[in-house]
Amino acid sequence: MAKVTWEMSGEEAVGSSRTAFIKKIYELAEKDQSIVLVNCDCSPEGSMQDKFGKSFGDRFLDCGIAEQNACGIAGGLALSGKKVFCQAFGPFLSMRSVEFVYLDGAYNRAPVTYIGTHCGVTAEAGPTHAAIMDIAYMRAMPEMTIVAPTDAVVIEKLMEKAVEYGKPMYVRCARGEEPLVYKPEELDDFEIGKGILYKDGADITLIGCGNGVYQCVKAAEKLAKEEIDARVIDLHTIKPIDKDIILKAARETRGIITVEDHVISGGMGSAVCEVVEGSEDPETRVQVKRLGVPDCFFIQGSPEEVYAYYGYDAEGIYRSAKEMLGK
């Protein structure tokens, strides 16, 4: 069984979503002969992708640096009855291949699970290799489900659900190891399209997706030391969005802060704003502040440096929360 290993880095457990998802797909493929992996330039000798190809033969296709071709092939295989996972670097899957995902995938309702790695600013290679607009592109597509798994534990649960989901889905994950927010036993009821109330709170709501959830958790811990009770919501599924968990938070707290490793225009925060704005309940009319990459070609640096520079790390969330509450 492929399981996320809880390895300690300092005082925190860490894991790689990029490693966890392929291990889980391999495990699932051992039991299900209809599972196919279409890969783009991600199968070096000795990797799990390489092992997948050697184990399952014609159920593995490496298309090289030809992401558009991969997306077209994935759509055709899915419409032929295969359960297809299509992996590529997030910036090339979402930008270079967007027309192929749109026409061959979403338009045809082809049940392909597209997995973008190196998403957000985690590639550490600047704007050319950053998937910071992918949510916006994919969210505009009819029929497309979008999930930004919180950590390596969540992506394993997601892969289990994806096999039988039966719809086009875009999954974004980071490049390397990141802190684990969950333990496997805490996600037995994980469901695509349903947010997770990680921590209840009455003063302010922090909503994160992907690695933004961890930053929200750390910010809530810091706020708690000043007797500010922050609610933390893991909005892993951005489309279809969980309106109920958002509107409940809007009614019960004084404001909402959204956190994502993505441009603030068109991303998860924009989706939350649309839910709040579209509500007819006057009790949900609260301020929403979006944290993420602003409208610019972002600075060069490590993910942690970029998060801090634009104020969507734990410290930046903490400052924004206090400002919103007038403290």
C-alpha atoms as a PDB file:
ATOM      1  CA  MET A   1       0.000   0.000   0.000  1.00  0.00           C
ATOM      2  CA  ALA A   2       1.273   3.487  -0.892  1.00  0.00           C
ATOM      3  CA  LYS A   3       1.164   5.616   2.202  1.00  0.00           C
ATOM      4  CA  VAL A   4       2.519   9.046   2.960  1.00  0.00           C
ATOM      5  CA  THR A   5       5.473   8.727   5.298  1.00  0.00           C
ATOM      6  CA  TRP A   6       5.374  11.056   8.254  1.00  0.00           C
ATOM      7  CA  GLU A   7       8.956  12.275   8.250  1.00  0.00           C
ATOM      8  CA  MET A   8       9.858  14.974  10.739  1.00  0.00           C
ATOM      9  CA  SER A   9      11.665  18.120   9.613  1.00  0.00           C
ATOM     10  CA  GLY A  10      12.362  20.040  12.803  1.00  0.00           C
ATOM     11  CA  GLU A  11       9.038  19.915  14.666  1.00  0.00           C
ATOM     12  CA  GLU A  12       6.859  19.328  11.602  1.00  0.00           C
ATOM     13  CA  ALA A  13       6.014  16.381   9.386  1.00  0.00           C
ATOM     14  CA  VAL A  14       6.624  16.935   5.680  1.00  0.00           C
ATOM     15  CA  GLY A  15       5.648  15.143   2.493  1.00  0.00           C
ATOM     16  CA  SER A  16       5.727  15.539  -1.262  1.00  0.00           C
ATOM     17  CA  SER A  17       2.409  15.653  -3.102  1.00  0.00           C
ATOM     18  CA  ARG A  18       4.294  15.122  -6.363  1.00  0.00           C
ATOM     19  CA  THR A  19       5.644  11.815  -5.027  1.00  0.00           C
ATOM     20  CA  ALA A  20       2.476  10.757  -3.229  1.00  0.00           C
ATOM     21  CA  PHE A  21       0.121  11.001  -6.188  1.00  0.00           C
ATOM     22  CA  ILE A  22       2.172   8.791  -8.515  1.00  0.00           C
ATOM     23  CA  LYS A  23       2.660   6.176  -5.802  1.00  0.00           C
ATOM     24  CA  LYS A  24      -1.090   6.094  -5.251  1.00  0.00           C
ATOM     25  CA  ILE A  25      -1.816   5.843  -8.999  1.00  0.00           C
ATOM     26  CA  TYR A  26       0.648   2.940  -9.233  1.00  0.00           C
ATOM     27  CA  GLU A  27      -1.125   1.176  -6.385  1.00  0.00           C
ATOM     28  CA  LEU A  28      -4.524   1.730  -7.998  1.00  0.00           C
ATOM     29  CA  ALA A  29      -3.255   0.570 -11.420  1.00  0.00           C
ATOM     30  CA  GLU A  30      -2.172  -2.763  -9.931  1.00  0.00           C
ATOM     31  CA  LYS A  31      -5.852  -3.470  -9.229  1.00  0.00           C
ATOM     32  CA  ASP A  32      -7.549  -1.697 -12.144  1.00  0.00           C
ATOM     33  CA  GLN A  33      -6.486  -2.626 -15.687  1.00  0.00           C
ATOM     34  CA  SER A  34      -8.291   0.383 -17.181  1.00  0.00           C
ATOM     35  CA  ILE A  35      -5.998   2.965 -15.537  1.00  0.00           C
ATOM     36  CA  VAL A  36      -3.631   4.736 -17.930  1.00  0.00           C
ATOM     37  CA  LEU A  37      -0.935   7.327 -17.202  1.00  0.00           C
ATOM     38  CA  VAL A  38      -0.038   9.885 -19.872  1.00  0.00           C
ATOM     39  CA  ASN A  39       3.149  11.682 -18.921  1.00  0.00           C
ATOM     40  CA  CYS A  40       5.117  14.692 -20.141  1.00  0.00           C
ATOM     41  CA  ASP A  41       8.865  14.769 -19.586  1.00  0.00           C
ATOM     42  CA  CYS A  42       8.522  13.430 -16.030  1.00  0.00           C
ATOM     43  CA  SER A  43       9.862   9.861 -16.117  1.00  0.00           C
ATOM     44  CA  PRO A  44      13.613   9.783 -15.486  1.00  0.00           C
ATOM     45  CA  GLU A  45      15.307   6.435 -14.920  1.00  0.00           C
ATOM     46  CA  GLY A  46      14.443   5.092 -11.477  1.00  0.00           C
ATOM     47  CA  SER A  47      11.431   7.341 -10.919  1.00  0.00           C
ATOM     48  CA  MET A  48       7.968   6.045 -10.012  1.00  0.00           C
ATOM     49  CA  GLN A  49       6.807   7.045 -13.502  1.00  0.00           C
ATOM     50  CA  ASP A  50       9.593   4.928 -14.967  1.00  0.00           C
ATOM     51  CA  LYS A  51       8.542   2.049 -12.727  1.00  0.00           C
ATOM     52  CA  PHE A  52       4.923   2.518 -13.850  1.00  0.00           C
ATOM     53  CA  GLY A  53       5.947   2.239 -17.498  1.00  0.00           C
ATOM     54  CA  LYS A  54       8.038  -0.863 -16.928  1.00  0.00           C
ATOM     55  CA  SER A  55       5.286  -2.497 -14.882  1.00  0.00           C
ATOM     56  CA  PHE A  56       2.251  -1.677 -17.001  1.00  0.00           C
ATOM     57  CA  GLY A  57       3.644  -1.397 -20.536  1.00  0.00           C
ATOM     58  CA  ASP A  58       1.140   0.120 -22.959  1.00  0.00           C
ATOM     59  CA  ARG A  59      -0.811   1.707 -20.101  1.00  0.00           C
ATOM     60  CA  PHE A  60       1.956   4.310 -19.889  1.00  0.00           C
ATOM     61  CA  LEU A  61       2.738   6.944 -22.500  1.00  0.00           C
ATOM     62  CA  ASP A  62       5.544   9.496 -22.142  1.00  0.00           C
ATOM     63  CA  CYS A  63       4.926  12.252 -24.674  1.00  0.00           C
ATOM     64  CA  GLY A  64       8.076  14.176 -23.864  1.00  0.00           C
ATOM     65  CA  ILE A  65       7.907  17.963 -24.040  1.00  0.00           C
ATOM     66  CA  ALA A  66       4.674  17.903 -26.032  1.00  0.00           C
ATOM     67  CA  GLU A  67       1.972  18.761 -23.540  1.00  0.00           C
ATOM     68  CA  GLN A  68      -0.654  19.609 -26.173  1.00  0.00           C
ATOM     69  CA  ASN A  69      -0.260  16.150 -27.729  1.00  0.00           C
ATOM     70  CA  ALA A  70      -0.495  14.542 -24.301  1.00  0.00           C
ATOM     71  CA  CYS A  71      -3.783  16.306 -23.552  1.00  0.00           C
ATOM     72  CA  GLY A  72      -5.215  15.270 -26.910  1.00  0.00           C
ATOM     73  CA  ILE A  73      -4.163  11.646 -26.409  1.00  0.00           C
ATOM     74  CA  ALA A  74      -5.526  11.661 -22.848  1.00  0.00           C
ATOM     75  CA  GLY A  75      -8.913  12.901 -24.070  1.00  0.00           C
ATOM     76  CA  GLY A  76      -9.108  10.217 -26.740  1.00  0.00           C
ATOM     77  CA  LEU A  77      -8.187   7.436 -24.346  1.00  0.00           C
ATOM     78  CA  ALA A  78     -10.752   8.634 -21.808  1.00  0.00           C
ATOM     79  CA  LEU A  79     -13.496   8.698 -24.441  1.00  0.00           C
ATOM     80  CA  SER A  80     -12.460   5.129 -25.319  1.00  0.00           C
ATOM     81  CA  GLY A  81     -13.267   3.952 -21.819  1.00  0.00           C
ATOM     82  CA  LYS A  82      -9.906   4.282 -20.064  1.00  0.00           C
ATOM     83  CA  LYS A  83      -9.409   5.932 -16.673  1.00  0.00           C
ATOM     84  CA  VAL A  84      -6.769   8.463 -17.596  1.00  0.00           C
ATOM     85  CA  PHE A  85      -4.334  10.452 -15.478  1.00  0.00           C
ATOM     86  CA  CYS A  86      -2.384  13.063 -17.433  1.00  0.00           C
ATOM     87  CA  GLN A  87       0.671  14.534 -15.706  1.00  0.00           C
ATOM     88  CA  ALA A  88       2.717  17.556 -16.769  1.00  0.00           C
ATOM     89  CA  PHE A  89       4.388  20.596 -15.260  1.00  0.00           C
ATOM     90  CA  GLY A  90       1.581  22.902 -14.164  1.00  0.00           C
ATOM     91  CA  PRO A  91       2.598  26.008 -16.125  1.00  0.00           C
ATOM     92  CA  PHE A  92       2.731  24.085 -19.399  1.00  0.00           C
ATOM     93  CA  LEU A  93      -0.376  22.028 -18.711  1.00  0.00           C
ATOM     94  CA  SER A  94      -2.464  25.101 -17.920  1.00  0.00           C
ATOM     95  CA  MET A  95      -1.040  27.693 -20.323  1.00  0.00           C
ATOM     96  CA  ARG A  96       0.594  25.938 -23.282  1.00  0.00           C
ATOM     97  CA  SER A  97      -2.097  23.243 -23.440  1.00  0.00           C
ATOM     98  CA  VAL A  98      -5.172  25.159 -22.349  1.00  0.00           C
ATOM     99  CA  GLU A  99      -6.959  24.859 -25.726  1.00  0.00           C
ATOM    100  CA  PHE A 100      -6.457  21.079 -25.757  1.00  0.00           C
ATOM    101  CA  VAL A 101      -7.730  20.724 -22.199  1.00  0.00           C
ATOM    102  CA  TYR A 102     -10.700  22.899 -23.125  1.00  0.00           C
ATOM    103  CA  LEU A 103     -11.677  21.157 -26.379  1.00  0.00           C
ATOM    104  CA  ASP A 104     -10.458  17.566 -25.965  1.00  0.00           C
ATOM    105  CA  GLY A 105     -11.235  17.411 -22.254  1.00  0.00           C
ATOM    106  CA  ALA A 106     -13.903  19.772 -20.949  1.00  0.00           C
ATOM    107  CA  TYR A 107     -15.924  20.206 -24.152  1.00  0.00           C
ATOM    108  CA  ASN A 108     -16.152  16.440 -24.641  1.00  0.00           C
ATOM    109  CA  ARG A 109     -16.708  15.772 -20.932  1.00  0.00           C
ATOM    110  CA  ALA A 110     -13.750  13.385 -21.167  1.00  0.00           C
ATOM    111  CA  PRO A 111     -13.026  11.986 -17.679  1.00  0.00           C
ATOM    112  CA  VAL A 112      -9.338  12.879 -17.590  1.00  0.00           C
ATOM    113  CA  THR A 113      -7.610  13.751 -14.333  1.00  0.00           C
ATOM    114  CA  TYR A 114      -5.050  16.404 -15.317  1.00  0.00           C
ATOM    115  CA  ILE A 115      -2.306  16.726 -12.706  1.00  0.00           C
ATOM    116  CA  GLY A 116      -0.154  19.830 -12.776  1.00  0.00           C
ATOM    117  CA  THR A 117       3.036  19.711 -10.730  1.00  0.00           C
ATOM    118  CA  HIS A 118       5.366  22.596  -9.783  1.00  0.00           C
ATOM    119  CA  CYS A 119       2.295  24.791  -9.299  1.00  0.00           C
ATOM    120  CA  GLY A 120       2.182  28.221  -7.724  1.00  0.00           C
ATOM    121  CA  VAL A 121       5.694  29.601  -7.407  1.00  0.00           C
ATOM    122  CA  THR A 122       7.184  26.321  -6.165  1.00  0.00           C
ATOM    123  CA  ALA A 123       9.319  25.701  -9.265  1.00  0.00           C
ATOM    124  CA  GLU A 124      11.590  28.568  -8.094  1.00  0.00           C
ATOM    125  CA  ALA A 125      12.242  29.425 -11.749  1.00  0.00           C
ATOM    126  CA  GLY A 126      10.397  32.708 -12.118  1.00  0.00           C
ATOM    127  CA  PRO A 127       7.338  33.621 -14.205  1.00  0.00           C
ATOM    128  CA  THR A 128       8.198  31.311 -17.132  1.00  0.00           C
ATOM    129  CA  HIS A 129       7.839  28.202 -14.953  1.00  0.00           C
ATOM    130  CA  ALA A 130       5.129  29.278 -12.530  1.00  0.00           C
ATOM    131  CA  ALA A 131       1.540  28.093 -12.621  1.00  0.00           C
ATOM    132  CA  ILE A 132      -0.053  31.115 -10.969  1.00  0.00           C
ATOM    133  CA  MET A 133      -2.946  31.620 -13.420  1.00  0.00           C
ATOM    134  CA  ASP A 134      -4.026  28.007 -13.788  1.00  0.00           C
ATOM    135  CA  ILE A 135      -7.025  28.191 -11.449  1.00  0.00           C
ATOM    136  CA  ALA A 136      -8.357  31.194 -13.367  1.00  0.00           C
ATOM    137  CA  TYR A 137      -8.013  29.422 -16.730  1.00  0.00           C
ATOM    138  CA  MET A 138      -9.536  26.162 -15.553  1.00  0.00           C
ATOM    139  CA  ARG A 139     -12.298  27.792 -13.511  1.00  0.00           C
ATOM    140  CA  ALA A 140     -13.633  29.475 -16.646  1.00  0.00           C
ATOM    141  CA  MET A 141     -14.141  26.109 -18.375  1.00  0.00           C
ATOM    142  CA  PRO A 142     -17.570  24.498 -18.205  1.00  0.00           C
ATOM    143  CA  GLU A 143     -17.532  20.906 -16.923  1.00  0.00           C
ATOM    144  CA  MET A 144     -14.091  21.283 -15.265  1.00  0.00           C
ATOM    145  CA  THR A 145     -13.541  20.329 -11.629  1.00  0.00           C
ATOM    146  CA  ILE A 146     -10.577  22.013  -9.893  1.00  0.00           C
ATOM    147  CA  VAL A 147      -8.851  20.679  -6.781  1.00  0.00           C
ATOM    148  CA  ALA A 148      -5.815  22.130  -5.004  1.00  0.00           C
ATOM    149  CA  PRO A 149      -4.846  19.413  -2.481  1.00  0.00           C
ATOM    150  CA  THR A 150      -3.647  20.685   0.856  1.00  0.00           C
ATOM    151  CA  ASP A 151      -0.781  18.247   1.266  1.00  0.00           C
ATOM    152  CA  ALA A 152       0.494  14.797   0.325  1.00  0.00           C
ATOM    153  CA  VAL A 153      -2.112  13.097   2.513  1.00  0.00           C
ATOM    154  CA  VAL A 154      -5.004  14.833   0.766  1.00  0.00           C
ATOM    155  CA  ILE A 155      -3.712  14.063  -2.727  1.00  0.00           C
ATOM    156  CA  GLU A 156      -3.700  10.338  -1.946  1.00  0.00           C
ATOM    157  CA  LYS A 157      -7.352  10.529  -0.884  1.00  0.00           C
ATOM    158  CA  LEU A 158      -8.109  12.555  -3.999  1.00  0.00           C
ATOM    159  CA  MET A 159      -6.525  10.008  -6.345  1.00  0.00           C
ATOM    160  CA  GLU A 160      -8.729   7.300  -4.838  1.00  0.00           C
ATOM    161  CA  LYS A 161     -11.809   9.410  -5.575  1.00  0.00           C
ATOM    162  CA  ALA A 162     -10.605  10.481  -9.029  1.00  0.00           C
ATOM    163  CA  VAL A 163     -10.604   6.927 -10.419  1.00  0.00           C
ATOM    164  CA  GLU A 164     -14.397   6.742 -10.301  1.00  0.00           C
ATOM    165  CA  TYR A 165     -15.196  10.471 -10.548  1.00  0.00           C
ATOM    166  CA  GLY A 166     -16.109  10.303 -14.226  1.00  0.00           C
ATOM    167  CA  LYS A 167     -15.583  13.993 -15.068  1.00  0.00           C
ATOM    168  CA  PRO A 168     -12.696  16.207 -16.250  1.00  0.00           C
ATOM    169  CA  MET A 169     -10.625  17.329 -13.281  1.00  0.00           C
ATOM    170  CA  TYR A 170      -7.617  19.591 -12.863  1.00  0.00           C
ATOM    171  CA  VAL A 171      -5.377  18.925  -9.859  1.00  0.00           C
ATOM    172  CA  ARG A 172      -2.567  21.287  -8.878  1.00  0.00           C
ATOM    173  CA  CYS A 173       0.280  20.320  -6.575  1.00  0.00           C
ATOM    174  CA  ALA A 174       3.604  21.772  -5.507  1.00  0.00           C
ATOM    175  CA  ARG A 175       7.074  20.778  -6.620  1.00  0.00           C
ATOM    176  CA  GLY A 176       8.747  19.517  -3.445  1.00  0.00           C
ATOM    177  CA  GLU A 177       8.168  18.558   0.144  1.00  0.00           C
ATOM    178  CA  GLU A 178       5.846  20.717   2.205  1.00  0.00           C
ATOM    179  CA  PRO A 179       4.469  20.542   5.763  1.00  0.00           C
ATOM    180  CA  LEU A 180       1.698  17.996   6.265  1.00  0.00           C
ATOM    181  CA  VAL A 181      -1.522  19.432   7.665  1.00  0.00           C
ATOM    182  CA  TYR A 182      -3.347  16.112   8.073  1.00  0.00           C
ATOM    183  CA  LYS A 183      -2.787  12.557   9.166  1.00  0.00           C
ATOM    184  CA  PRO A 184      -4.375   9.868   6.935  1.00  0.00           C
ATOM    185  CA  GLU A 185      -6.915   8.802   9.552  1.00  0.00           C
ATOM    186  CA  GLU A 186      -8.291  12.345   9.718  1.00  0.00           C
ATOM    187  CA  LEU A 187      -9.613  12.244   6.140  1.00  0.00           C
ATOM    188  CA  ASP A 188     -11.817   9.158   6.024  1.00  0.00           C
ATOM    189  CA  ASP A 189     -14.777  11.337   4.986  1.00  0.00           C
ATOM    190  CA  PHE A 190     -12.898  13.386   2.353  1.00  0.00           C
ATOM    191  CA  GLU A 191     -15.192  14.397  -0.486  1.00  0.00           C
ATOM    192  CA  ILE A 192     -14.580  16.306  -3.714  1.00  0.00           C
ATOM    193  CA  GLY A 193     -16.591  19.537  -3.594  1.00  0.00           C
ATOM    194  CA  LYS A 194     -16.870  19.711   0.198  1.00  0.00           C
ATOM    195  CA  GLY A 195     -14.609  22.047   2.146  1.00  0.00           C
ATOM    196  CA  ILE A 196     -13.105  20.995   5.458  1.00  0.00           C
ATOM    197  CA  LEU A 197     -13.596  22.952   8.659  1.00  0.00           C
ATOM    198  CA  TYR A 198     -10.086  22.496  10.004  1.00  0.00           C
ATOM    199  CA  LYS A 199     -10.626  24.735  13.027  1.00  0.00           C
ATOM    200  CA  ASP A 200     -13.722  26.521  14.253  1.00  0.00           C
ATOM    201  CA  GLY A 201     -13.567  30.145  15.314  1.00  0.00           C
ATOM    202  CA  ALA A 202     -15.849  33.092  15.996  1.00  0.00           C
ATOM    203  CA  ASP A 203     -13.815  36.215  15.161  1.00  0.00           C
ATOM    204  CA  ILE A 204     -12.488  35.880  11.621  1.00  0.00           C
ATOM    205  CA  THR A 205     -12.310  33.215   8.911  1.00  0.00           C
ATOM    206  CA  LEU A 206      -9.142  32.175   7.094  1.00  0.00           C
ATOM    207  CA  ILE A 207      -9.802  30.183   3.903  1.00  0.00           C
ATOM    208  CA  GLY A 208      -6.887  28.482   2.189  1.00  0.00           C
ATOM    209  CA  CYS A 209      -6.315  26.079  -0.674  1.00  0.00           C
ATOM    210  CA  GLY A 210      -3.195  24.065  -1.403  1.00  0.00           C
ATOM    211  CA  ASN A 211      -0.251  25.149   0.713  1.00  0.00           C
ATOM    212  CA  GLY A 212      -2.239  28.221   1.747  1.00  0.00           C
ATOM    213  CA  VAL A 213      -4.042  26.043   4.294  1.00  0.00           C
ATOM    214  CA  TYR A 214      -0.831  25.449   6.234  1.00  0.00           C
ATOM    215  CA  GLN A 215      -0.140  29.195   6.283  1.00  0.00           C
ATOM    216  CA  CYS A 216      -3.668  29.784   7.603  1.00  0.00           C
ATOM    217  CA  VAL A 217      -3.169  27.209  10.363  1.00  0.00           C
ATOM    218  CA  LYS A 218       0.063  28.858  11.500  1.00  0.00           C
ATOM    219  CA  ALA A 219      -1.526  32.326  11.377  1.00  0.00           C
ATOM    220  CA  ALA A 220      -4.475  31.098  13.462  1.00  0.00           C
ATOM    221  CA  GLU A 221      -2.074  29.766  16.070  1.00  0.00           C
ATOM    222  CA  LYS A 222      -0.384  33.148  16.291  1.00  0.00           C
ATOM    223  CA  LEU A 223      -3.710  34.991  16.470  1.00  0.00           C
ATOM    224  CA  ALA A 224      -4.849  32.690  19.272  1.00  0.00           C
ATOM    225  CA  LYS A 225      -1.990  33.961  21.435  1.00  0.00           C
ATOM    226  CA  GLU A 226      -3.663  37.372  21.282  1.00  0.00           C
ATOM    227  CA  GLU A 227      -7.105  35.905  22.028  1.00  0.00           C
ATOM    228  CA  ILE A 228      -8.296  36.245  18.438  1.00  0.00           C
ATOM    229  CA  ASP A 229     -10.355  33.187  17.526  1.00  0.00           C
ATOM    230  CA  ALA A 230      -9.755  32.407  13.840  1.00  0.00           C
ATOM    231  CA  ARG A 231     -11.753  29.855  11.896  1.00  0.00           C
ATOM    232  CA  VAL A 232      -9.692  27.896   9.334  1.00  0.00           C
ATOM    233  CA  ILE A 233     -11.325  26.366   6.256  1.00  0.00           C
ATOM    234  CA  ASP A 234      -9.595  24.096   3.772  1.00  0.00           C
ATOM    235  CA  LEU A 235     -11.284  24.875   0.446  1.00  0.00           C
ATOM    236  CA  HIS A 236      -9.435  22.193  -1.500  1.00  0.00           C
ATOM    237  CA  THR A 237     -12.106  22.039  -4.213  1.00  0.00           C
ATOM    238  CA  ILE A 238     -12.406  25.373  -5.971  1.00  0.00           C
ATOM    239  CA  LYS A 239     -14.925  24.174  -8.540  1.00  0.00           C
ATOM    240  CA  PRO A 240     -17.579  23.076  -7.736  1.00  0.00           C
ATOM    241  CA  ILE A 241     -17.242  25.363  -4.736  1.00  0.00           C
ATOM    242  CA  ASP A 242     -18.731  24.616  -1.319  1.00  0.00           C
ATOM    243  CA  LYS A 243     -21.065  27.588  -0.908  1.00  0.00           C
ATOM    244  CA  ASP A 244     -22.499  26.356   2.374  1.00  0.00           C
ATOM    245  CA  ILE A 245     -19.228  26.360   4.309  1.00  0.00           C
ATOM    246  CA  ILE A 246     -18.371  29.840   2.980  1.00  0.00           C
ATOM    247  CA  LEU A 247     -21.736  31.438   3.765  1.00  0.00           C
ATOM    248  CA  LYS A 248     -21.841  29.855   7.210  1.00  0.00           C
ATOM    249  CA  ALA A 249     -18.459  31.430   7.945  1.00  0.00           C
ATOM    250  CA  ALA A 250     -19.673  34.769   6.603  1.00  0.00           C
ATOM    251  CA  ARG A 251     -22.662  34.699   8.958  1.00  0.00           C
ATOM    252  CA  GLU A 252     -20.708  33.645  12.013  1.00  0.00           C
ATOM    253  CA  THR A 253     -17.468  35.657  11.768  1.00  0.00           C
ATOM    254  CA  ARG A 254     -16.589  39.296  11.143  1.00  0.00           C
ATOM    255  CA  GLY A 255     -14.676  38.861   7.897  1.00  0.00           C
ATOM    256  CA  ILE A 256     -12.956  36.441   5.532  1.00  0.00           C
ATOM    257  CA  ILE A 257      -9.356  36.275   4.335  1.00  0.00           C
ATOM    258  CA  THR A 258      -8.493  33.962   1.430  1.00  0.00           C
ATOM    259  CA  VAL A 259      -4.977  32.603   0.869  1.00  0.00           C
ATOM    260  CA  GLU A 260      -3.634  30.991  -2.305  1.00  0.00           C
ATOM    261  CA  ASP A 261      -0.364  30.556  -4.190  1.00  0.00           C
ATOM    262  CA  HIS A 262      -1.954  32.081  -7.292  1.00  0.00           C
ATOM    263  CA  VAL A 263      -2.759  35.507  -8.689  1.00  0.00           C
ATOM    264  CA  ILE A 264      -5.580  37.093  -6.721  1.00  0.00           C
ATOM    265  CA  SER A 265      -7.588  37.795  -9.895  1.00  0.00           C
ATOM    266  CA  GLY A 266      -9.699  34.841 -10.947  1.00  0.00           C
ATOM    267  CA  GLY A 267      -8.441  32.394  -8.348  1.00  0.00           C
ATOM    268  CA  MET A 268      -9.933  30.794  -5.266  1.00  0.00           C
ATOM    269  CA  GLY A 269     -10.352  34.158  -3.540  1.00  0.00           C
ATOM    270  CA  SER A 270     -12.338  35.496  -6.472  1.00  0.00           C
ATOM    271  CA  ALA A 271     -14.572  32.423  -6.313  1.00  0.00           C
ATOM    272  CA  VAL A 272     -15.215  33.069  -2.610  1.00  0.00           C
ATOM    273  CA  CYS A 273     -16.037  36.714  -3.347  1.00  0.00           C
ATOM    274  CA  GLU A 274     -18.553  35.594  -5.976  1.00  0.00           C
ATOM    275  CA  VAL A 275     -20.276  33.345  -3.441  1.00  0.00           C
ATOM    276  CA  VAL A 276     -20.504  36.096  -0.821  1.00  0.00           C
ATOM    277  CA  GLU A 277     -21.606  38.746  -3.330  1.00  0.00           C
ATOM    278  CA  GLY A 278     -24.204  36.422  -4.840  1.00  0.00           C
ATOM    279  CA  SER A 279     -25.865  35.638  -1.531  1.00  0.00           C
ATOM    280  CA  GLU A 280     -29.260  37.201  -0.838  1.00  0.00           C
ATOM    281  CA  ASP A 281     -28.771  36.832   2.913  1.00  0.00           C
ATOM    282  CA  PRO A 282     -27.809  40.240   4.384  1.00  0.00           C
ATOM    283  CA  GLU A 283     -26.037  38.500   7.277  1.00  0.00           C
ATOM    284  CA  THR A 284     -23.381  37.222   4.863  1.00  0.00           C
ATOM    285  CA  ARG A 285     -22.330  40.704   3.704  1.00  0.00           C
ATOM    286  CA  VAL A 286     -18.850  40.676   5.206  1.00  0.00           C
ATOM    287  CA  GLN A 287     -15.519  41.990   4.006  1.00  0.00           C
ATOM    288  CA  VAL A 288     -13.387  39.548   1.998  1.00  0.00           C
ATOM    289  CA  LYS A 289      -9.660  40.195   1.583  1.00  0.00           C
ATOM    290  CA  ARG A 290      -7.736  38.147  -0.974  1.00  0.00           C
ATOM    291  CA  LEU A 291      -4.076  37.284  -0.380  1.00  0.00           C
ATOM    292  CA  GLY A 292      -1.871  35.884  -3.117  1.00  0.00           C
ATOM    293  CA  VAL A 293       0.277  37.100  -5.998  1.00  0.00           C
ATOM    294  CA  PRO A 294      -0.739  40.623  -7.106  1.00  0.00           C
ATOM    295  CA  ASP A 295      -1.129  41.736 -10.725  1.00  0.00           C
ATOM    296  CA  CYS A 296       2.557  41.649 -11.631  1.00  0.00           C
ATOM    297  CA  PHE A 297       5.388  39.428 -12.824  1.00  0.00           C
ATOM    298  CA  PHE A 298       6.459  38.272  -9.387  1.00  0.00           C
ATOM    299  CA  ILE A 299       9.909  38.484  -7.840  1.00  0.00           C
ATOM    300  CA  GLN A 300      12.500  35.737  -8.181  1.00  0.00           C
ATOM    301  CA  GLY A 301      13.071  33.704  -5.016  1.00  0.00           C
ATOM    302  CA  SER A 302      12.220  30.622  -3.025  1.00  0.00           C
ATOM    303  CA  PRO A 303       8.514  29.977  -2.412  1.00  0.00           C
ATOM    304  CA  GLU A 304       8.872  31.120   1.190  1.00  0.00           C
ATOM    305  CA  GLU A 305      10.508  34.370   0.083  1.00  0.00           C
ATOM    306  CA  VAL A 306       7.762  35.038  -2.459  1.00  0.00           C
ATOM    307  CA  TYR A 307       4.998  34.254   0.052  1.00  0.00           C
ATOM    308  CA  ALA A 308       6.507  36.659   2.557  1.00  0.00           C
ATOM    309  CA  TYR A 309       7.184  39.411   0.015  1.00  0.00           C
ATOM    310  CA  TYR A 310       3.543  39.532  -1.095  1.00  0.00           C
ATOM    311  CA  GLY A 311       2.109  38.926   2.357  1.00  0.00           C
ATOM    312  CA  TYR A 312       0.482  35.536   1.974  1.00  0.00           C
ATOM    313  CA  ASP A 313       2.667  33.660   4.433  1.00  0.00           C
ATOM    314  CA  ALA A 314       1.525  33.101   8.021  1.00  0.00           C
ATOM    315  CA  GLU A 315       2.933  36.444   9.169  1.00  0.00           C
ATOM    316  CA  GLY A 316       1.190  38.310   6.361  1.00  0.00           C
ATOM    317  CA  ILE A 317      -2.117  36.590   7.113  1.00  0.00           C
ATOM    318  CA  TYR A 318      -1.721  37.467  10.789  1.00  0.00           C
ATOM    319  CA  ARG A 319      -1.180  41.147   9.940  1.00  0.00           C
ATOM    320  CA  SER A 320      -4.137  41.221   7.557  1.00  0.00           C
ATOM    321  CA  ALA A 321      -6.405  39.596  10.132  1.00  0.00           C
ATOM    322  CA  LYS A 322      -5.512  42.137  12.787  1.00  0.00           C
ATOM    323  CA  GLU A 323      -6.036  44.965  10.311  1.00  0.00           C
ATOM    324  CA  MET A 324      -9.455  43.631   9.318  1.00  0.00           C
ATOM    325  CA  LEU A 325     -10.492  43.375  12.957  1.00  0.00           C
ATOM    326  CA  GLY A 326      -9.151  46.846  13.723  1.00  0.00           C
ATOM    327  CA  LYS A 327      -6.591  45.593  16.216  1.00  0.00           C
END
